[in-house]
Amino acid sequence: MNFLEVKGLSRSFGGLRAVQEVSFSVEKNAIKAIIGPNGAGKTTLFNLISGALPPASGQVFISGSPIHGLPPHRIARRGISRTFQNIKLFSRMSVLENVMIGRHIRSRAGFLAAMLRLPRTKAEEREIRETSMDILSLLGIGDLADQEATSLPFGKQRVVEFARALATEPDLILLDEPAAGLNIHETAHISEMIMKIRRRGITVLVIEHDMSLVMNISDEIVVLSSGKKIAEGAPAAIQKNGEVIRVYLGEGDA
């Protein structure tokens, strides 16, 4: 069953056609990777899916319901969460507080009411704290809950960002270069985190330049070049695809 369907998405910036008629689908609880050289349109594609940018044309569906054109907060409430290539944690806030902010998207009272500690929000705030701690423990960083998030090593900050995304209870998570800037051991940990996410029944769409990571975790891969989809298929097939090999050898490692 296709959970995410992308149909003919396009977006230009001036004369640059960043994404050109890109279509693909992702089955529920699958891991699909988006790869391609720098400038291929990968992050722009994520921006179109998540609502950060409106498409010039094309459609996006979640479980058959259209989401294209909706603002990001409404798309998030439809069950889509996202991490970013450049980590965006809140400074001067603890690891736990950062994750709790993500959880507040599911709050009935809202973040402001919780910060004011109104009586009606106390029970819900306890649930948010407990759930956030459970997620931190699941990802192996429960012992870091009280530390300032931005003081952690880069690899740990990446896991905190994962935790915050999970706190929104997503059905689909968009991971934008989760292994960027990580060493081999941190990358292995991120690979484990992604598999844990899938085991929770969450569908994963990931942009990544680390080909070893991509080949190890992906069910299918979409390859972009100059904004166009040039290939799609299982990892083994992509490795042997002549057009993909030409693009990578001709334009540099990605």
Protein backbone atom coordinates (compact mmCIF):
# COMPACT_ATOMS: atom_id res chain seq x y z
CA MET A 1 0.00 0.00 0.00
CA ASN A 2 1.41 3.41 -1.00
CA PHE A 3 1.50 5.74 1.99
CA LEU A 4 3.17 8.71 0.29
CA GLU A 5 2.54 9.58 -3.34
CA VAL A 6 4.40 12.35 -5.14
CA LYS A 7 3.05 13.19 -8.59
CA GLY A 8 4.78 15.52 -11.03
CA LEU A 9 6.28 17.94 -8.51
CA SER A 10 8.05 20.92 -10.05
CA ARG A 11 9.63 24.08 -8.67
CA SER A 12 11.84 26.73 -10.25
CA PHE A 13 13.89 29.60 -8.82
CA GLY A 14 14.25 32.25 -11.49
CA GLY A 15 15.61 30.39 -14.48
CA LEU A 16 16.77 27.39 -12.44
CA ARG A 17 14.46 24.39 -12.60
CA ALA A 18 15.26 22.88 -9.20
CA VAL A 19 12.71 20.05 -9.34
CA GLN A 20 11.23 18.88 -12.64
CA GLU A 21 8.17 16.64 -12.83
CA VAL A 22 9.34 14.29 -10.06
CA SER A 23 7.04 11.38 -9.24
CA PHE A 24 7.44 8.42 -6.89
CA SER A 25 5.63 6.60 -4.10
CA VAL A 26 6.61 5.13 -0.74
CA GLU A 27 4.93 2.10 0.77
CA LYS A 28 3.81 2.20 4.38
CA ASN A 29 6.60 1.31 6.84
CA ALA A 30 9.23 1.34 4.07
CA ILE A 31 12.56 3.16 3.98
CA LYS A 32 13.16 5.03 0.73
CA ALA A 33 16.29 7.04 -0.01
CA ILE A 34 16.68 10.08 -2.23
CA ILE A 35 20.21 10.40 -3.60
CA GLY A 36 22.00 12.48 -6.21
CA PRO A 37 24.87 14.92 -6.70
CA ASN A 38 24.92 18.30 -4.98
CA GLY A 39 22.37 20.58 -6.59
CA ALA A 40 20.20 17.68 -7.75
CA GLY A 41 17.10 19.10 -6.04
CA LYS A 42 16.89 16.75 -3.07
CA THR A 43 16.33 19.29 -0.29
CA THR A 44 13.99 21.33 -2.49
CA LEU A 45 11.95 18.15 -2.96
CA PHE A 46 11.73 17.76 0.84
CA ASN A 47 10.67 21.40 1.13
CA LEU A 48 7.86 20.78 -1.35
CA ILE A 49 6.65 17.66 0.46
CA SER A 50 6.78 19.26 3.92
CA GLY A 51 5.11 22.51 2.88
CA ALA A 52 8.15 24.73 3.41
CA LEU A 53 7.79 25.65 -0.28
CA PRO A 54 4.68 25.51 -2.48
CA PRO A 55 5.07 23.50 -5.69
CA ALA A 56 4.71 25.27 -9.02
CA SER A 57 2.88 22.16 -10.17
CA GLY A 58 2.29 18.63 -9.02
CA GLN A 59 0.60 16.88 -6.12
CA VAL A 60 1.47 15.17 -2.84
CA PHE A 61 -0.82 12.64 -1.15
CA ILE A 62 -0.69 10.95 2.26
CA SER A 63 -2.87 7.84 2.42
CA GLY A 64 -4.76 9.17 -0.58
CA SER A 65 -5.45 12.62 0.91
CA PRO A 66 -3.88 15.67 -0.78
CA ILE A 67 -1.47 17.77 1.29
CA HIS A 68 0.16 19.93 -1.40
CA GLY A 69 -0.43 23.61 -0.77
CA LEU A 70 -1.04 23.17 2.96
CA PRO A 71 1.13 25.18 5.40
CA PRO A 72 3.86 23.25 7.26
CA HIS A 73 2.02 23.15 10.61
CA ARG A 74 -1.03 21.52 9.03
CA ILE A 75 1.13 19.02 7.19
CA ALA A 76 2.87 18.22 10.48
CA ARG A 77 -0.51 17.54 12.06
CA ARG A 78 -1.19 15.08 9.24
CA GLY A 79 1.66 13.00 10.63
CA ILE A 80 4.75 14.23 8.79
CA SER A 81 7.88 15.16 10.73
CA ARG A 82 11.27 16.32 9.49
CA THR A 83 14.89 16.68 10.52
CA PHE A 84 17.33 19.05 8.84
CA GLN A 85 20.83 18.81 7.43
CA ASN A 86 21.82 21.70 9.69
CA ILE A 87 20.74 20.73 13.21
CA LYS A 88 18.17 23.14 14.64
CA LEU A 89 18.06 22.63 18.40
CA PHE A 90 17.06 25.32 20.89
CA SER A 91 20.03 26.73 22.78
CA ARG A 92 19.90 27.21 26.57
CA MET A 93 17.32 24.43 26.75
CA SER A 94 17.87 20.90 27.95
CA VAL A 95 17.69 17.78 25.83
CA LEU A 96 14.37 16.89 27.44
CA GLU A 97 12.92 20.37 26.88
CA ASN A 98 13.88 20.24 23.20
CA VAL A 99 12.05 16.94 22.78
CA MET A 100 9.03 18.18 24.74
CA ILE A 101 8.66 21.07 22.28
CA GLY A 102 8.24 18.50 19.53
CA ARG A 103 5.67 16.66 21.60
CA HIS A 104 3.57 19.80 22.07
CA ILE A 105 2.32 19.57 18.48
CA ARG A 106 0.07 16.78 19.81
CA SER A 107 -0.97 18.83 22.84
CA ARG A 108 -4.58 19.89 23.20
CA ALA A 109 -3.63 22.84 25.39
CA GLY A 110 -0.74 24.12 23.27
CA PHE A 111 2.81 25.09 24.16
CA LEU A 112 1.99 28.55 25.59
CA ALA A 113 -0.59 27.22 28.03
CA ALA A 114 1.89 24.59 29.19
CA MET A 115 4.62 27.20 29.72
CA LEU A 116 2.18 29.24 31.85
CA ARG A 117 1.45 26.06 33.84
CA LEU A 118 -2.30 26.54 33.90
CA PRO A 119 -4.04 23.94 36.12
CA ARG A 120 -5.81 22.19 33.26
CA THR A 121 -2.51 21.54 31.52
CA LYS A 122 -0.66 19.85 34.40
CA ALA A 123 -1.79 16.30 33.65
CA GLU A 124 -1.07 16.73 29.97
CA GLU A 125 2.34 18.21 30.76
CA ARG A 126 3.20 15.12 32.83
CA GLU A 127 2.25 12.92 29.88
CA ILE A 128 4.40 15.00 27.54
CA ARG A 129 7.39 14.77 29.88
CA GLU A 130 6.99 11.02 30.39
CA THR A 131 6.58 10.31 26.68
CA SER A 132 9.58 12.48 25.84
CA MET A 133 11.69 10.62 28.39
CA ASP A 134 10.56 7.29 26.94
CA ILE A 135 11.72 8.40 23.50
CA LEU A 136 15.10 9.53 24.83
CA SER A 137 15.51 6.16 26.55
CA LEU A 138 14.53 4.33 23.37
CA LEU A 139 17.28 6.14 21.47
CA GLY A 140 19.83 5.52 24.21
CA ILE A 141 20.26 9.09 25.50
CA GLY A 142 17.94 9.12 28.50
CA ASP A 143 20.92 9.87 30.73
CA LEU A 144 21.47 13.14 28.85
CA ALA A 145 17.95 14.50 29.46
CA ASP A 146 19.03 17.35 31.75
CA GLN A 147 22.06 18.46 29.76
CA GLU A 148 21.95 21.54 27.55
CA ALA A 149 21.19 20.18 24.09
CA THR A 150 23.57 22.40 22.13
CA SER A 151 26.49 21.53 24.43
CA LEU A 152 26.45 17.89 23.34
CA PRO A 153 28.79 16.41 20.71
CA PHE A 154 27.47 16.79 17.17
CA GLY A 155 26.48 13.13 16.86
CA LYS A 156 24.43 13.27 20.07
CA GLN A 157 22.73 16.46 18.91
CA ARG A 158 21.65 14.58 15.81
CA VAL A 159 20.02 11.91 18.00
CA VAL A 160 18.23 14.63 19.99
CA GLU A 161 16.83 15.96 16.72
CA PHE A 162 15.63 12.43 15.89
CA ALA A 163 13.97 12.24 19.30
CA ARG A 164 12.20 15.56 18.82
CA ALA A 165 10.89 14.41 15.44
CA LEU A 166 9.63 11.15 16.98
CA ALA A 167 7.89 13.09 19.74
CA THR A 168 5.40 14.42 17.19
CA GLU A 169 4.13 10.84 16.66
CA PRO A 170 4.78 10.91 12.91
CA ASP A 171 3.54 8.40 10.39
CA LEU A 172 6.22 9.63 7.96
CA ILE A 173 9.59 11.10 8.87
CA LEU A 174 11.77 13.03 6.41
CA LEU A 175 15.47 12.77 7.27
CA ASP A 176 17.70 15.29 5.50
CA GLU A 177 21.28 13.97 5.50
CA PRO A 178 21.18 12.43 8.99
CA ALA A 179 24.80 11.24 8.75
CA ALA A 180 26.23 14.59 7.61
CA GLY A 181 29.34 15.48 9.62
CA LEU A 182 29.35 12.21 11.57
CA ASN A 183 32.22 9.77 11.98
CA ILE A 184 31.92 6.07 11.17
CA HIS A 185 30.79 5.12 14.70
CA GLU A 186 28.20 7.89 14.88
CA THR A 187 26.93 6.93 11.43
CA ALA A 188 26.49 3.33 12.59
CA HIS A 189 24.46 4.64 15.54
CA ILE A 190 22.28 6.72 13.20
CA SER A 191 21.69 3.61 11.08
CA GLU A 192 20.46 1.81 14.19
CA MET A 193 18.18 4.76 15.02
CA ILE A 194 16.61 4.67 11.57
CA MET A 195 15.90 0.96 11.88
CA LYS A 196 14.35 1.55 15.32
CA ILE A 197 12.12 4.22 13.78
CA ARG A 198 10.93 1.75 11.15
CA ARG A 199 10.22 -0.88 13.81
CA ARG A 200 7.82 1.61 15.41
CA GLY A 201 5.75 1.46 12.21
CA ILE A 202 6.99 4.77 10.84
CA THR A 203 7.63 5.29 7.13
CA VAL A 204 11.02 6.86 6.36
CA LEU A 205 12.12 9.05 3.45
CA VAL A 206 15.81 9.92 3.72
CA ILE A 207 18.24 12.11 1.79
CA GLU A 208 21.78 10.87 2.29
CA HIS A 209 25.23 11.13 0.71
CA ASP A 210 26.74 8.20 2.62
CA MET A 211 26.23 5.43 0.07
CA SER A 212 27.11 2.66 2.50
CA LEU A 213 24.36 3.83 4.85
CA VAL A 214 21.90 4.18 1.97
CA MET A 215 22.57 0.70 0.62
CA ASN A 216 22.29 -0.87 4.07
CA ILE A 217 18.98 0.63 5.19
CA SER A 218 16.95 1.35 2.05
CA ASP A 219 14.20 -0.75 0.53
CA GLU A 220 14.23 1.45 -2.58
CA ILE A 221 16.19 4.42 -3.89
CA VAL A 222 15.23 7.40 -6.05
CA VAL A 223 18.09 9.09 -7.92
CA LEU A 224 17.87 12.77 -8.89
CA SER A 225 20.11 14.72 -11.24
CA SER A 226 19.59 18.37 -12.19
CA GLY A 227 16.11 18.27 -10.68
CA LYS A 228 14.96 15.21 -12.63
CA LYS A 229 14.40 11.64 -11.53
CA ILE A 230 16.80 9.49 -13.54
CA ALA A 231 16.36 6.15 -11.76
CA GLU A 232 14.32 4.34 -9.12
CA GLY A 233 14.58 0.83 -7.74
CA ALA A 234 16.14 -1.56 -5.25
CA PRO A 235 19.68 -0.78 -4.02
CA ALA A 236 21.26 -3.60 -6.04
CA ALA A 237 19.63 -2.36 -9.25
CA ILE A 238 20.67 1.25 -8.61
CA GLN A 239 24.29 0.20 -8.08
CA LYS A 240 24.31 -1.33 -11.57
CA ASN A 241 22.35 1.41 -13.34
CA GLY A 242 24.41 2.87 -16.16
CA GLU A 243 22.83 6.34 -16.03
CA VAL A 244 23.42 6.57 -12.28
CA ILE A 245 27.05 5.52 -12.68
CA ARG A 246 27.54 8.11 -15.43
CA VAL A 247 26.08 10.92 -13.31
CA TYR A 248 28.17 10.08 -10.27
CA LEU A 249 31.43 9.58 -12.16
CA GLY A 250 30.83 12.64 -14.29
CA GLU A 251 29.76 15.04 -11.54
CA GLY A 252 31.67 13.83 -8.51
CA ASP A 253 30.91 11.78 -5.47
CA ALA A 254 27.61 12.57 -3.73
